[in-house]
Amino acid sequence: MFEPEQPKTPSAIGDIAVVITDHDGMETDEVNYEVQILQADGSIFKVASGDLVPHLTSQQINGLQTFMAGMRALAQGLLPR
């Protein structure tokens, strides 16, 4: 009559998102992540998220800071002259 619940087991990684925030006028910037953990049928088992900074090397952090400085310079072009 009733179907027994099947155990849920993670089996793959789905989408990965990284959000880099360059706070204007603040020394502390943020790099956060979100990872979809999928079941065998492709449905989402869990979404893991958190602070990515502790997992980055100094070289990676420097690269992201350089990238965001370039993005901020490009964003200045949105302002009227």
Protein backbone atom coordinates (compact mmCIF):
# COMPACT_ATOMS: atom_id res chain seq x y z
CA MET A 1 0.00 0.00 0.00
CA PHE A 2 2.64 2.55 1.05
CA GLU A 3 5.97 2.79 -0.75
CA PRO A 4 8.90 2.73 1.66
CA GLU A 5 11.09 5.82 1.60
CA GLN A 6 14.32 5.22 -0.26
CA PRO A 7 17.51 6.31 1.46
CA LYS A 8 18.91 9.51 0.00
CA THR A 9 22.56 9.41 -0.96
CA PRO A 10 24.57 12.22 -2.52
CA SER A 11 26.13 11.18 -5.80
CA ALA A 12 27.23 14.23 -7.81
CA ILE A 13 27.95 17.94 -7.71
CA GLY A 14 25.53 20.22 -9.56
CA ASP A 15 25.77 23.97 -9.96
CA ILE A 16 28.47 25.92 -8.18
CA ALA A 17 28.11 29.66 -7.55
CA VAL A 18 30.68 32.10 -6.19
CA VAL A 19 29.76 35.62 -5.09
CA ILE A 20 32.58 38.13 -4.69
CA THR A 21 31.65 41.32 -2.85
CA ASP A 22 33.91 44.36 -2.92
CA HIS A 23 32.60 46.60 -0.16
CA ASP A 24 33.21 50.26 -1.02
CA GLY A 25 35.41 51.91 1.58
CA MET A 26 35.80 48.77 3.68
CA GLU A 27 38.88 46.63 4.07
CA THR A 28 36.98 43.36 4.44
CA ASP A 29 35.69 41.90 1.19
CA GLU A 30 33.73 38.66 0.92
CA VAL A 31 33.90 35.56 -1.23
CA ASN A 32 31.02 33.17 -0.63
CA TYR A 33 30.13 29.89 -2.32
CA GLU A 34 27.08 27.74 -2.91
CA VAL A 35 27.32 24.14 -4.15
CA GLN A 36 24.43 21.90 -5.15
CA ILE A 37 24.89 18.31 -4.03
CA LEU A 38 22.75 16.02 -6.17
CA GLN A 39 21.19 12.60 -5.78
CA ALA A 40 21.53 9.93 -8.47
CA ASP A 41 18.23 11.04 -10.06
CA GLY A 42 19.57 14.60 -10.45
CA SER A 43 17.44 16.13 -7.71
CA ILE A 44 19.07 18.35 -5.12
CA PHE A 45 20.10 16.46 -2.01
CA LYS A 46 21.54 19.50 -0.25
CA VAL A 47 22.94 22.96 -0.91
CA ALA A 48 26.20 23.67 0.87
CA SER A 49 27.23 27.29 1.30
CA GLY A 50 29.67 29.39 3.23
CA ASP A 51 32.76 31.56 3.32
CA LEU A 52 35.26 30.59 0.62
CA VAL A 53 38.13 32.78 1.89
CA PRO A 54 39.59 30.18 4.32
CA HIS A 55 39.94 27.77 1.39
CA LEU A 56 41.79 30.19 -0.94
CA THR A 57 45.53 30.61 -1.29
CA SER A 58 47.17 34.03 -0.98
CA GLN A 59 47.74 33.98 -4.73
CA GLN A 60 44.04 33.30 -5.40
CA ILE A 61 43.00 36.10 -3.04
CA ASN A 62 45.40 38.52 -4.75
CA GLY A 63 43.98 37.52 -8.13
CA LEU A 64 40.41 38.09 -6.97
CA GLN A 65 41.33 41.47 -5.48
CA THR A 66 42.92 42.49 -8.80
CA PHE A 67 39.85 41.25 -10.69
CA MET A 68 37.48 43.21 -8.43
CA ALA A 69 39.60 46.38 -8.72
CA GLY A 70 39.19 46.06 -12.49
CA MET A 71 35.43 45.54 -12.11
CA ARG A 72 35.17 48.63 -9.90
CA ALA A 73 37.05 50.65 -12.54
CA LEU A 74 34.65 49.41 -15.23
CA ALA A 75 31.67 50.23 -13.01
CA GLN A 76 32.87 53.83 -12.80
CA GLY A 77 31.91 54.05 -16.48
CA LEU A 78 28.26 53.77 -15.44
CA LEU A 79 28.44 57.19 -13.80
CA PRO A 80 27.65 60.33 -15.81
CA ARG A 81 30.65 62.36 -16.86
